[in-house]
PDB file of N, CA and C in Angstrom:
ATOM      1  N   UNK A   1       0.854  -1.180   0.000  1.00  0.00           N
ATOM      2  CA  UNK A   1       0.000   0.000   0.000  1.00  0.00           C
ATOM      3  C   UNK A   1       0.899   1.242   0.000  1.00  0.00           C
ATOM      4  N   UNK A   2       0.593   2.244  -0.843  1.00  0.00           N
ATOM      5  CA  UNK A   2       1.405   3.462  -0.883  1.00  0.00           C
ATOM      6  C   UNK A   2       1.380   4.195   0.459  1.00  0.00           C
ATOM      7  N   UNK A   3       2.445   4.970   0.693  1.00  0.00           N
ATOM      8  CA  UNK A   3       2.565   5.701   1.949  1.00  0.00           C
ATOM      9  C   UNK A   3       1.389   6.636   2.212  1.00  0.00           C
ATOM     10  N   UNK A   4       0.941   7.363   1.180  1.00  0.00           N
ATOM     11  CA  UNK A   4      -0.167   8.294   1.387  1.00  0.00           C
ATOM     12  C   UNK A   4      -1.449   7.551   1.762  1.00  0.00           C
ATOM     13  N   UNK A   5      -1.638   6.337   1.237  1.00  0.00           N
ATOM     14  CA  UNK A   5      -2.824   5.550   1.587  1.00  0.00           C
ATOM     15  C   UNK A   5      -2.754   5.108   3.045  1.00  0.00           C
ATOM     16  N   UNK A   6      -1.566   4.745   3.525  1.00  0.00           N
ATOM     17  CA  UNK A   6      -1.402   4.381   4.933  1.00  0.00           C
ATOM     18  C   UNK A   6      -1.665   5.578   5.836  1.00  0.00           C
ATOM     19  N   UNK A   7      -1.170   6.758   5.427  1.00  0.00           N
ATOM     20  CA  UNK A   7      -1.398   7.958   6.226  1.00  0.00           C
ATOM     21  C   UNK A   7      -2.885   8.304   6.266  1.00  0.00           C
ATOM     22  N   UNK A   8      -3.559   8.179   5.128  1.00  0.00           N
ATOM     23  CA  UNK A   8      -4.999   8.465   5.088  1.00  0.00           C
ATOM     24  C   UNK A   8      -5.762   7.459   5.944  1.00  0.00           C
ATOM     25  N   UNK A   9      -5.381   6.202   5.880  1.00  0.00           N
ATOM     26  CA  UNK A   9      -6.049   5.170   6.691  1.00  0.00           C
ATOM     27  C   UNK A   9      -5.870   5.454   8.178  1.00  0.00           C
ATOM     28  N   UNK A  10      -4.688   5.932   8.565  1.00  0.00           N
ATOM     29  CA  UNK A  10      -4.443   6.256   9.972  1.00  0.00           C
ATOM     30  C   UNK A  10      -5.332   7.404  10.431  1.00  0.00           C
ATOM     31  N   UNK A  11      -5.561   8.390   9.572  1.00  0.00           N
ATOM     32  CA  UNK A  11      -6.420   9.517   9.927  1.00  0.00           C
ATOM     33  C   UNK A  11      -7.884   9.112  10.032  1.00  0.00           C
ATOM     34  N   UNK A  12      -8.263   8.043   9.365  1.00  0.00           N
ATOM     35  CA  UNK A  12      -9.658   7.610   9.367  1.00  0.00           C
ATOM     36  C   UNK A  12      -9.988   6.616  10.471  1.00  0.00           C
ATOM     37  N   UNK A  13      -9.058   6.355  11.358  1.00  0.00           N
ATOM     38  CA  UNK A  13      -9.326   5.457  12.475  1.00  0.00           C
ATOM     39  C   UNK A  13     -10.279   6.123  13.450  1.00  0.00           C
ATOM     40  N   UNK A  14     -11.091   5.322  14.109  1.00  0.00           N
ATOM     41  CA  UNK A  14     -12.012   5.862  15.120  1.00  0.00           C
ATOM     42  C   UNK A  14     -11.208   6.512  16.238  1.00  0.00           C
ATOM     43  N   UNK A  15     -11.653   7.680  16.731  1.00  0.00           N
ATOM     44  CA  UNK A  15     -10.939   8.318  17.834  1.00  0.00           C
ATOM     45  C   UNK A  15     -11.004   7.453  19.087  1.00  0.00           C
ATOM     46  N   UNK A  16     -10.046   7.592  19.977  1.00  0.00           N
ATOM     47  CA  UNK A  16     -10.075   6.791  21.204  1.00  0.00           C
ATOM     48  C   UNK A  16     -11.221   7.201  22.113  1.00  0.00           C
ATOM     49  N   UNK A  17     -11.649   6.291  22.962  1.00  0.00           N
ATOM     50  CA  UNK A  17     -12.694   6.608  23.940  1.00  0.00           C
ATOM     51  C   UNK A  17     -12.167   7.636  24.926  1.00  0.00           C
ATOM     52  N   UNK A  18     -13.044   8.468  25.409  1.00  0.00           N
ATOM     53  CA  UNK A  18     -12.688   9.502  26.372  1.00  0.00           C
ATOM     54  C   UNK A  18     -13.417   9.206  27.665  1.00  0.00           C
ATOM     55  N   UNK A  19     -12.776   9.465  28.783  1.00  0.00           N
ATOM     56  CA  UNK A  19     -13.399   9.175  30.075  1.00  0.00           C
ATOM     57  C   UNK A  19     -14.284  10.323  30.507  1.00  0.00           C
ATOM     58  N   UNK A  20     -15.496  10.002  30.901  1.00  0.00           N
ATOM     59  CA  UNK A  20     -16.433  10.981  31.427  1.00  0.00           C
ATOM     60  C   UNK A  20     -17.104  10.363  32.632  1.00  0.00           C
ATOM     61  N   UNK A  21     -16.927  10.971  33.768  1.00  0.00           N
ATOM     62  CA  UNK A  21     -17.545  10.520  35.010  1.00  0.00           C
ATOM     63  C   UNK A  21     -17.200   9.065  35.315  1.00  0.00           C
ATOM     64  N   UNK A  22     -15.978   8.681  35.015  1.00  0.00           N
ATOM     65  CA  UNK A  22     -15.518   7.346  35.363  1.00  0.00           C
ATOM     66  C   UNK A  22     -15.934   6.250  34.414  1.00  0.00           C
ATOM     67  N   UNK A  23     -16.624   6.594  33.317  1.00  0.00           N
ATOM     68  CA  UNK A  23     -17.063   5.601  32.355  1.00  0.00           C
ATOM     69  C   UNK A  23     -16.534   5.967  30.986  1.00  0.00           C
ATOM     70  N   UNK A  24     -15.949   4.992  30.282  1.00  0.00           N
ATOM     71  CA  UNK A  24     -15.445   5.270  28.939  1.00  0.00           C
ATOM     72  C   UNK A  24     -16.629   5.536  28.017  1.00  0.00           C
ATOM     73  N   UNK A  25     -16.534   6.603  27.261  1.00  0.00           N
ATOM     74  CA  UNK A  25     -17.580   6.972  26.305  1.00  0.00           C
ATOM     75  C   UNK A  25     -16.913   7.307  24.978  1.00  0.00           C
ATOM     76  N   UNK A  26     -17.603   7.083  23.896  1.00  0.00           N
ATOM     77  CA  UNK A  26     -17.064   7.469  22.605  1.00  0.00           C
ATOM     78  C   UNK A  26     -17.215   8.972  22.435  1.00  0.00           C
ATOM     79  N   UNK A  27     -16.366   9.599  21.601  1.00  0.00           N
ATOM     80  CA  UNK A  27     -16.377  11.047  21.498  1.00  0.00           C
ATOM     81  C   UNK A  27     -17.660  11.679  20.971  1.00  0.00           C
ATOM     82  N   UNK A  28     -18.644  10.903  20.479  1.00  0.00           N
ATOM     83  CA  UNK A  28     -19.886  11.555  20.048  1.00  0.00           C
ATOM     84  C   UNK A  28     -20.777  11.901  21.245  1.00  0.00           C
ATOM     85  N   UNK A  29     -20.507  11.338  22.392  1.00  0.00           N
ATOM     86  CA  UNK A  29     -21.174  11.652  23.653  1.00  0.00           C
ATOM     87  C   UNK A  29     -22.693  11.651  23.546  1.00  0.00           C
ATOM     88  N   UNK A  30     -23.251  10.745  22.749  1.00  0.00           N
ATOM     89  CA  UNK A  30     -24.693  10.712  22.533  1.00  0.00           C
ATOM     90  C   UNK A  30     -25.478  10.477  23.816  1.00  0.00           C
ATOM     91  N   UNK A  31     -24.865   9.892  24.788  1.00  0.00           N
ATOM     92  CA  UNK A  31     -25.559   9.672  26.060  1.00  0.00           C
ATOM     93  C   UNK A  31     -25.501  10.890  26.977  1.00  0.00           C
ATOM     94  N   UNK A  32     -24.553  11.774  26.751  1.00  0.00           N
ATOM     95  CA  UNK A  32     -24.367  12.915  27.654  1.00  0.00           C
ATOM     96  C   UNK A  32     -24.962  14.205  27.106  1.00  0.00           C
ATOM     97  N   UNK A  33     -24.832  14.429  25.798  1.00  0.00           N
ATOM     98  CA  UNK A  33     -25.288  15.691  25.206  1.00  0.00           C
ATOM     99  C   UNK A  33     -25.811  15.457  23.795  1.00  0.00           C
ATOM    100  N   UNK A  34     -26.545  16.441  23.312  1.00  0.00           N
ATOM    101  CA  UNK A  34     -26.992  16.494  21.925  1.00  0.00           C
ATOM    102  C   UNK A  34     -26.687  17.894  21.427  1.00  0.00           C
ATOM    103  N   UNK A  35     -26.138  18.010  20.214  1.00  0.00           N
ATOM    104  CA  UNK A  35     -25.719  19.312  19.691  1.00  0.00           C
ATOM    105  C   UNK A  35     -26.443  19.593  18.380  1.00  0.00           C
ATOM    106  N   UNK A  36     -26.994  20.817  18.271  1.00  0.00           N
ATOM    107  CA  UNK A  36     -27.632  21.276  17.040  1.00  0.00           C
ATOM    108  C   UNK A  36     -27.038  22.615  16.654  1.00  0.00           C
ATOM    109  N   UNK A  37     -26.738  22.791  15.378  1.00  0.00           N
ATOM    110  CA  UNK A  37     -26.210  24.057  14.893  1.00  0.00           C
ATOM    111  C   UNK A  37     -25.744  23.901  13.467  1.00  0.00           C
ATOM    112  N   UNK A  38     -25.901  24.945  12.680  1.00  0.00           N
ATOM    113  CA  UNK A  38     -25.542  24.889  11.274  1.00  0.00           C
ATOM    114  C   UNK A  38     -24.247  25.655  11.030  1.00  0.00           C
ATOM    115  N   UNK A  39     -23.297  25.016  10.367  1.00  0.00           N
ATOM    116  CA  UNK A  39     -22.045  25.678  10.033  1.00  0.00           C
ATOM    117  C   UNK A  39     -21.026  25.706  11.146  1.00  0.00           C
ATOM    118  N   UNK A  40     -21.326  25.032  12.261  1.00  0.00           N
ATOM    119  CA  UNK A  40     -20.410  24.995  13.396  1.00  0.00           C
ATOM    120  C   UNK A  40     -19.859  23.582  13.520  1.00  0.00           C
ATOM    121  N   UNK A  41     -18.557  23.494  13.649  1.00  0.00           N
ATOM    122  CA  UNK A  41     -17.896  22.193  13.772  1.00  0.00           C
ATOM    123  C   UNK A  41     -17.485  21.953  15.217  1.00  0.00           C
ATOM    124  N   UNK A  42     -17.760  20.753  15.703  1.00  0.00           N
ATOM    125  CA  UNK A  42     -17.284  20.342  17.027  1.00  0.00           C
ATOM    126  C   UNK A  42     -15.879  19.814  16.841  1.00  0.00           C
ATOM    127  N   UNK A  43     -14.885  20.557  17.321  1.00  0.00           N
ATOM    128  CA  UNK A  43     -13.481  20.180  17.143  1.00  0.00           C
ATOM    129  C   UNK A  43     -13.015  19.184  18.187  1.00  0.00           C
ATOM    130  N   UNK A  44     -13.562  19.288  19.404  1.00  0.00           N
ATOM    131  CA  UNK A  44     -13.115  18.403  20.481  1.00  0.00           C
ATOM    132  C   UNK A  44     -14.268  18.178  21.445  1.00  0.00           C
ATOM    133  N   UNK A  45     -14.352  16.961  21.938  1.00  0.00           N
ATOM    134  CA  UNK A  45     -15.265  16.594  23.018  1.00  0.00           C
ATOM    135  C   UNK A  45     -14.454  15.663  23.895  1.00  0.00           C
ATOM    136  N   UNK A  46     -14.055  16.153  25.063  1.00  0.00           N
ATOM    137  CA  UNK A  46     -13.084  15.408  25.860  1.00  0.00           C
ATOM    138  C   UNK A  46     -13.234  15.696  27.343  1.00  0.00           C
ATOM    139  N   UNK A  47     -12.559  14.909  28.122  1.00  0.00           N
ATOM    140  CA  UNK A  47     -12.481  15.171  29.554  1.00  0.00           C
ATOM    141  C   UNK A  47     -11.585  16.388  29.775  1.00  0.00           C
ATOM    142  N   UNK A  48     -11.864  17.181  30.807  1.00  0.00           N
ATOM    143  CA  UNK A  48     -11.022  18.347  31.090  1.00  0.00           C
ATOM    144  C   UNK A  48      -9.607  17.933  31.487  1.00  0.00           C
ATOM    145  N   UNK A  49      -8.659  18.837  31.292  1.00  0.00           N
ATOM    146  CA  UNK A  49      -7.296  18.590  31.750  1.00  0.00           C
ATOM    147  C   UNK A  49      -7.313  18.341  33.256  1.00  0.00           C
ATOM    148  N   UNK A  50      -6.595  17.352  33.705  1.00  0.00           N
ATOM    149  CA  UNK A  50      -6.378  17.155  35.132  1.00  0.00           C
ATOM    150  C   UNK A  50      -7.443  16.405  35.882  1.00  0.00           C
ATOM    151  N   UNK A  51      -8.626  16.243  35.308  1.00  0.00           N
ATOM    152  CA  UNK A  51      -9.649  15.456  35.996  1.00  0.00           C
ATOM    153  C   UNK A  51     -10.607  14.857  34.975  1.00  0.00           C
ATOM    154  N   UNK A  52     -11.500  14.027  35.445  1.00  0.00           N
ATOM    155  CA  UNK A  52     -12.468  13.399  34.555  1.00  0.00           C
ATOM    156  C   UNK A  52     -13.892  13.755  34.953  1.00  0.00           C
ATOM    157  N   UNK A  53     -14.047  14.747  35.780  1.00  0.00           N
ATOM    158  CA  UNK A  53     -15.354  15.099  36.313  1.00  0.00           C
ATOM    159  C   UNK A  53     -16.011  16.208  35.507  1.00  0.00           C
ATOM    160  N   UNK A  54     -16.116  16.033  34.232  1.00  0.00           N
ATOM    161  CA  UNK A  54     -16.761  17.031  33.399  1.00  0.00           C
ATOM    162  C   UNK A  54     -16.551  16.711  31.939  1.00  0.00           C
ATOM    163  N   UNK A  55     -16.862  17.672  31.106  1.00  0.00           N
ATOM    164  CA  UNK A  55     -16.773  17.500  29.670  1.00  0.00           C
ATOM    165  C   UNK A  55     -16.401  18.840  29.051  1.00  0.00           C
ATOM    166  N   UNK A  56     -15.443  18.831  28.138  1.00  0.00           N
ATOM    167  CA  UNK A  56     -15.028  20.038  27.432  1.00  0.00           C
ATOM    168  C   UNK A  56     -15.423  19.889  25.970  1.00  0.00           C
ATOM    169  N   UNK A  57     -16.093  20.924  25.446  1.00  0.00           N
ATOM    170  CA  UNK A  57     -16.505  20.955  24.047  1.00  0.00           C
ATOM    171  C   UNK A  57     -15.860  22.160  23.387  1.00  0.00           C
ATOM    172  N   UNK A  58     -15.239  21.950  22.242  1.00  0.00           N
ATOM    173  CA  UNK A  58     -14.587  23.049  21.527  1.00  0.00           C
ATOM    174  C   UNK A  58     -15.241  23.170  20.150  1.00  0.00           C
ATOM    175  N   UNK A  59     -15.791  24.352  19.869  1.00  0.00           N
ATOM    176  CA  UNK A  59     -16.516  24.599  18.632  1.00  0.00           C
ATOM    177  C   UNK A  59     -15.792  25.621  17.767  1.00  0.00           C
ATOM    178  N   UNK A  60     -15.963  25.495  16.434  1.00  0.00           N
ATOM    179  CA  UNK A  60     -15.445  26.474  15.481  1.00  0.00           C
ATOM    180  C   UNK A  60     -16.566  26.810  14.508  1.00  0.00           C
ATOM    181  N   UNK A  61     -16.871  28.098  14.387  1.00  0.00           N
ATOM    182  CA  UNK A  61     -17.857  28.550  13.410  1.00  0.00           C
ATOM    183  C   UNK A  61     -17.148  28.711  12.074  1.00  0.00           C
ATOM    184  N   UNK A  62     -17.546  27.937  11.089  1.00  0.00           N
ATOM    185  CA  UNK A  62     -16.904  27.957   9.783  1.00  0.00           C
ATOM    186  C   UNK A  62     -17.566  28.919   8.807  1.00  0.00           C
ATOM    187  N   UNK A  63     -18.603  29.624   9.260  1.00  0.00           N
ATOM    188  CA  UNK A  63     -19.336  30.533   8.382  1.00  0.00           C
ATOM    189  C   UNK A  63     -18.844  31.971   8.545  1.00  0.00           C
ATOM    190  N   UNK A  64     -19.162  32.793   7.546  1.00  0.00           N
ATOM    191  CA  UNK A  64     -18.799  34.202   7.580  1.00  0.00           C
ATOM    192  C   UNK A  64     -19.805  35.028   8.372  1.00  0.00           C
ATOM    193  N   UNK A  65     -20.802  34.366   8.948  1.00  0.00           N
ATOM    194  CA  UNK A  65     -21.799  35.037   9.784  1.00  0.00           C
ATOM    195  C   UNK A  65     -21.897  34.299  11.118  1.00  0.00           C
ATOM    196  N   UNK A  66     -22.503  34.957  12.083  1.00  0.00           N
ATOM    197  CA  UNK A  66     -22.669  34.330  13.399  1.00  0.00           C
ATOM    198  C   UNK A  66     -23.558  33.096  13.281  1.00  0.00           C
ATOM    199  N   UNK A  67     -23.334  32.148  14.165  1.00  0.00           N
ATOM    200  CA  UNK A  67     -24.113  30.910  14.177  1.00  0.00           C
ATOM    201  C   UNK A  67     -24.543  30.603  15.603  1.00  0.00           C
ATOM    202  N   UNK A  68     -25.665  29.924  15.726  1.00  0.00           N
ATOM    203  CA  UNK A  68     -26.187  29.541  17.032  1.00  0.00           C
ATOM    204  C   UNK A  68     -26.072  28.037  17.199  1.00  0.00           C
ATOM    205  N   UNK A  69     -25.568  27.629  18.352  1.00  0.00           N
ATOM    206  CA  UNK A  69     -25.456  26.214  18.703  1.00  0.00           C
ATOM    207  C   UNK A  69     -26.338  25.967  19.921  1.00  0.00           C
ATOM    208  N   UNK A  70     -27.081  24.876  19.901  1.00  0.00           N
ATOM    209  CA  UNK A  70     -27.887  24.469  21.052  1.00  0.00           C
ATOM    210  C   UNK A  70     -27.326  23.157  21.571  1.00  0.00           C
ATOM    211  N   UNK A  71     -26.924  23.180  22.830  1.00  0.00           N
ATOM    212  CA  UNK A  71     -26.371  21.980  23.475  1.00  0.00           C
ATOM    213  C   UNK A  71     -27.401  21.500  24.481  1.00  0.00           C
ATOM    214  N   UNK A  72     -28.019  20.365  24.193  1.00  0.00           N
ATOM    215  CA  UNK A  72     -28.980  19.765  25.122  1.00  0.00           C
ATOM    216  C   UNK A  72     -28.231  18.807  26.025  1.00  0.00           C
ATOM    217  N   UNK A  73     -28.382  18.994  27.314  1.00  0.00           N
ATOM    218  CA  UNK A  73     -27.679  18.167  28.287  1.00  0.00           C
ATOM    219  C   UNK A  73     -28.580  16.994  28.659  1.00  0.00           C
ATOM    220  N   UNK A  74     -28.149  15.792  28.307  1.00  0.00           N
ATOM    221  CA  UNK A  74     -28.918  14.579  28.563  1.00  0.00           C
ATOM    222  C   UNK A  74     -28.486  13.878  29.844  1.00  0.00           C
ATOM    223  N   UNK A  75     -27.273  14.172  30.303  1.00  0.00           N
ATOM    224  CA  UNK A  75     -26.733  13.575  31.524  1.00  0.00           C
ATOM    225  C   UNK A  75     -27.050  14.508  32.695  1.00  0.00           C
ATOM    226  N   UNK A  76     -27.912  14.066  33.595  1.00  0.00           N
ATOM    227  CA  UNK A  76     -28.356  14.929  34.700  1.00  0.00           C
ATOM    228  C   UNK A  76     -27.231  15.329  35.644  1.00  0.00           C
ATOM    229  N   UNK A  77     -26.083  14.668  35.563  1.00  0.00           N
ATOM    230  CA  UNK A  77     -24.950  15.005  36.424  1.00  0.00           C
ATOM    231  C   UNK A  77     -24.132  16.180  35.875  1.00  0.00           C
ATOM    232  N   UNK A  78     -24.331  16.548  34.605  1.00  0.00           N
ATOM    233  CA  UNK A  78     -23.649  17.694  34.024  1.00  0.00           C
ATOM    234  C   UNK A  78     -24.556  18.901  34.225  1.00  0.00           C
ATOM    235  N   UNK A  79     -24.326  19.646  35.293  1.00  0.00           N
ATOM    236  CA  UNK A  79     -25.279  20.682  35.690  1.00  0.00           C
ATOM    237  C   UNK A  79     -24.759  22.106  35.556  1.00  0.00           C
ATOM    238  N   UNK A  80     -23.463  22.320  35.490  1.00  0.00           N
ATOM    239  CA  UNK A  80     -22.904  23.670  35.402  1.00  0.00           C
ATOM    240  C   UNK A  80     -22.126  23.807  34.100  1.00  0.00           C
ATOM    241  N   UNK A  81     -22.257  24.978  33.462  1.00  0.00           N
ATOM    242  CA  UNK A  81     -21.555  25.222  32.202  1.00  0.00           C
ATOM    243  C   UNK A  81     -20.878  26.575  32.248  1.00  0.00           C
ATOM    244  N   UNK A  82     -19.714  26.655  31.608  1.00  0.00           N
ATOM    245  CA  UNK A  82     -19.029  27.937  31.501  1.00  0.00           C
ATOM    246  C   UNK A  82     -18.237  27.992  30.209  1.00  0.00           C
ATOM    247  N   UNK A  83     -18.085  29.209  29.684  1.00  0.00           N
ATOM    248  CA  UNK A  83     -17.230  29.434  28.533  1.00  0.00           C
ATOM    249  C   UNK A  83     -15.825  29.652  29.072  1.00  0.00           C
ATOM    250  N   UNK A  84     -14.865  28.904  28.579  1.00  0.00           N
ATOM    251  CA  UNK A  84     -13.502  28.970  29.095  1.00  0.00           C
ATOM    252  C   UNK A  84     -12.521  29.251  27.960  1.00  0.00           C
ATOM    253  N   UNK A  85     -11.305  29.616  28.343  1.00  0.00           N
ATOM    254  CA  UNK A  85     -10.231  29.764  27.370  1.00  0.00           C
ATOM    255  C   UNK A  85      -9.694  28.378  27.024  1.00  0.00           C
ATOM    256  N   UNK A  86      -8.729  28.314  26.161  1.00  0.00           N
ATOM    257  CA  UNK A  86      -8.148  27.026  25.790  1.00  0.00           C
ATOM    258  C   UNK A  86      -7.514  26.308  26.973  1.00  0.00           C
ATOM    259  N   UNK A  87      -7.192  27.038  28.028  1.00  0.00           N
ATOM    260  CA  UNK A  87      -6.621  26.417  29.226  1.00  0.00           C
ATOM    261  C   UNK A  87      -7.656  25.594  29.997  1.00  0.00           C
ATOM    262  N   UNK A  88      -8.947  25.817  29.686  1.00  0.00           N
ATOM    263  CA  UNK A  88     -10.064  25.092  30.282  1.00  0.00           C
ATOM    264  C   UNK A  88     -10.285  25.391  31.758  1.00  0.00           C
ATOM    265  N   UNK A  89      -9.681  26.453  32.265  1.00  0.00           N
ATOM    266  CA  UNK A  89      -9.889  26.839  33.653  1.00  0.00           C
ATOM    267  C   UNK A  89     -11.215  27.583  33.783  1.00  0.00           C
ATOM    268  N   UNK A  90     -11.620  27.858  35.009  1.00  0.00           N
ATOM    269  CA  UNK A  90     -12.903  28.510  35.267  1.00  0.00           C
ATOM    270  C   UNK A  90     -13.081  29.728  34.371  1.00  0.00           C
ATOM    271  N   UNK A  91     -14.300  29.880  33.884  1.00  0.00           N
ATOM    272  CA  UNK A  91     -14.571  30.986  32.978  1.00  0.00           C
ATOM    273  C   UNK A  91     -15.899  31.644  33.276  1.00  0.00           C
ATOM    274  N   UNK A  92     -16.525  32.167  32.240  1.00  0.00           N
ATOM    275  CA  UNK A  92     -17.791  32.869  32.360  1.00  0.00           C
ATOM    276  C   UNK A  92     -18.946  31.873  32.408  1.00  0.00           C
ATOM    277  N   UNK A  93     -19.752  31.900  33.476  1.00  0.00           N
ATOM    278  CA  UNK A  93     -20.879  30.964  33.570  1.00  0.00           C
ATOM    279  C   UNK A  93     -21.862  31.164  32.417  1.00  0.00           C
ATOM    280  N   UNK A  94     -22.422  30.047  31.942  1.00  0.00           N
ATOM    281  CA  UNK A  94     -23.432  30.080  30.888  1.00  0.00           C
ATOM    282  C   UNK A  94     -24.769  29.630  31.462  1.00  0.00           C
ATOM    283  N   UNK A  95     -25.853  30.303  31.095  1.00  0.00           N
ATOM    284  CA  UNK A  95     -27.162  29.875  31.589  1.00  0.00           C
ATOM    285  C   UNK A  95     -27.601  28.564  30.928  1.00  0.00           C
ATOM    286  N   UNK A  96     -28.253  27.728  31.707  1.00  0.00           N
ATOM    287  CA  UNK A  96     -28.839  26.488  31.202  1.00  0.00           C
ATOM    288  C   UNK A  96     -30.342  26.619  31.403  1.00  0.00           C
ATOM    289  N   UNK A  97     -31.075  26.676  30.294  1.00  0.00           N
ATOM    290  CA  UNK A  97     -32.518  26.852  30.351  1.00  0.00           C
ATOM    291  C   UNK A  97     -33.208  25.553  29.956  1.00  0.00           C
ATOM    292  N   UNK A  98     -33.825  24.896  30.941  1.00  0.00           N
ATOM    293  CA  UNK A  98     -34.517  23.613  30.725  1.00  0.00           C
ATOM    294  C   UNK A  98     -33.602  22.583  30.072  1.00  0.00           C
ATOM    295  N   UNK A  99     -32.361  22.550  30.536  1.00  0.00           N
ATOM    296  CA  UNK A  99     -31.404  21.565  30.050  1.00  0.00           C
ATOM    297  C   UNK A  99     -30.731  21.913  28.740  1.00  0.00           C
ATOM    298  N   UNK A 100     -30.902  23.160  28.264  1.00  0.00           N
ATOM    299  CA  UNK A 100     -30.322  23.558  26.979  1.00  0.00           C
ATOM    300  C   UNK A 100     -29.447  24.795  27.155  1.00  0.00           C
ATOM    301  N   UNK A 101     -28.255  24.737  26.579  1.00  0.00           N
ATOM    302  CA  UNK A 101     -27.361  25.888  26.517  1.00  0.00           C
ATOM    303  C   UNK A 101     -27.440  26.422  25.094  1.00  0.00           C
ATOM    304  N   UNK A 102     -27.750  27.719  24.953  1.00  0.00           N
ATOM    305  CA  UNK A 102     -27.761  28.347  23.632  1.00  0.00           C
ATOM    306  C   UNK A 102     -26.528  29.227  23.535  1.00  0.00           C
ATOM    307  N   UNK A 103     -25.738  28.974  22.522  1.00  0.00           N
ATOM    308  CA  UNK A 103     -24.442  29.626  22.380  1.00  0.00           C
ATOM    309  C   UNK A 103     -24.368  30.291  21.010  1.00  0.00           C
ATOM    310  N   UNK A 104     -24.087  31.583  20.973  1.00  0.00           N
ATOM    311  CA  UNK A 104     -23.896  32.300  19.709  1.00  0.00           C
ATOM    312  C   UNK A 104     -22.397  32.427  19.485  1.00  0.00           C
ATOM    313  N   UNK A 105     -21.956  31.990  18.309  1.00  0.00           N
ATOM    314  CA  UNK A 105     -20.533  32.010  17.973  1.00  0.00           C
ATOM    315  C   UNK A 105     -20.353  32.932  16.765  1.00  0.00           C
ATOM    316  N   UNK A 106     -19.505  33.931  16.905  1.00  0.00           N
ATOM    317  CA  UNK A 106     -19.241  34.874  15.814  1.00  0.00           C
ATOM    318  C   UNK A 106     -18.589  34.159  14.634  1.00  0.00           C
ATOM    319  N   UNK A 107     -18.529  34.852  13.508  1.00  0.00           N
ATOM    320  CA  UNK A 107     -17.941  34.262  12.306  1.00  0.00           C
ATOM    321  C   UNK A 107     -16.486  33.870  12.552  1.00  0.00           C
ATOM    322  N   UNK A 108     -16.152  32.664  12.176  1.00  0.00           N
ATOM    323  CA  UNK A 108     -14.807  32.094  12.270  1.00  0.00           C
ATOM    324  C   UNK A 108     -14.243  32.102  13.694  1.00  0.00           C
ATOM    325  N   UNK A 109     -15.125  32.112  14.675  1.00  0.00           N
ATOM    326  CA  UNK A 109     -14.703  32.146  16.078  1.00  0.00           C
ATOM    327  C   UNK A 109     -14.590  30.736  16.644  1.00  0.00           C
ATOM    328  N   UNK A 110     -13.648  30.560  17.553  1.00  0.00           N
ATOM    329  CA  UNK A 110     -13.448  29.320  18.298  1.00  0.00           C
ATOM    330  C   UNK A 110     -13.942  29.545  19.718  1.00  0.00           C
ATOM    331  N   UNK A 111     -14.806  28.648  20.218  1.00  0.00           N
ATOM    332  CA  UNK A 111     -15.290  28.757  21.601  1.00  0.00           C
ATOM    333  C   UNK A 111     -15.124  27.412  22.286  1.00  0.00           C
ATOM    334  N   UNK A 112     -14.738  27.483  23.564  1.00  0.00           N
ATOM    335  CA  UNK A 112     -14.575  26.286  24.380  1.00  0.00           C
ATOM    336  C   UNK A 112     -15.547  26.361  25.546  1.00  0.00           C
ATOM    337  N   UNK A 113     -16.302  25.282  25.739  1.00  0.00           N
ATOM    338  CA  UNK A 113     -17.298  25.189  26.795  1.00  0.00           C
ATOM    339  C   UNK A 113     -16.887  24.068  27.732  1.00  0.00           C
ATOM    340  N   UNK A 114     -17.007  24.324  29.023  1.00  0.00           N
ATOM    341  CA  UNK A 114     -16.726  23.287  30.020  1.00  0.00           C
ATOM    342  C   UNK A 114     -17.997  22.988  30.792  1.00  0.00           C
ATOM    343  N   UNK A 115     -18.394  21.740  30.790  1.00  0.00           N
ATOM    344  CA  UNK A 115     -19.542  21.274  31.567  1.00  0.00           C
ATOM    345  C   UNK A 115     -18.998  20.580  32.793  1.00  0.00           C
ATOM    346  N   UNK A 116     -19.473  20.988  33.938  1.00  0.00           N
ATOM    347  CA  UNK A 116     -19.002  20.419  35.211  1.00  0.00           C
ATOM    348  C   UNK A 116     -19.938  19.343  35.709  1.00  0.00           C
ATOM    349  N   UNK A 117     -19.383  18.319  36.238  1.00  0.00           N
ATOM    350  CA  UNK A 117     -20.168  17.240  36.843  1.00  0.00           C
ATOM    351  C   UNK A 117     -20.487  17.620  38.285  1.00  0.00           C
ATOM    352  N   UNK A 118     -21.732  17.444  38.665  1.00  0.00           N
ATOM    353  CA  UNK A 118     -22.149  17.679  40.039  1.00  0.00           C
ATOM    354  C   UNK A 118     -22.765  16.401  40.586  1.00  0.00           C
ATOM    355  N   UNK A 119     -22.575  16.181  41.857  1.00  0.00           N
ATOM    356  CA  UNK A 119     -23.156  15.011  42.502  1.00  0.00           C
ATOM    357  C   UNK A 119     -24.580  15.309  42.903  1.00  0.00           C
ATOM    358  N   UNK A 120     -25.444  14.357  42.712  1.00  0.00           N
ATOM    359  CA  UNK A 120     -26.854  14.539  43.079  1.00  0.00           C
ATOM    360  C   UNK A 120     -27.127  13.823  44.383  1.00  0.00           C
TER     361      UNK A 120
END
């Protein structure tokens, strides 16, 4: 097989499972969240640096106009949300209305959201 075909095959491998709340989950996080939005790409869905008690989502708006993303939280343990810098440290709290976070992302903007796990 040619080298470029091997490199392409390596890029097409399924991403590794990410730990969320002590349970391995695939990066689509269908059990934890649901995402709706047009023209916005989810670049990363992962555990936060340094711990596994939450979820970090990194979005990029690929359009020349602002876009709206709706993040529905399906996991009742993910109760707090904030917009953070790439360092993923505490940031600006985001309102959660009936389990949904509505996020407006400017044109070509990158935004990182951190969902915190809370004990019930």
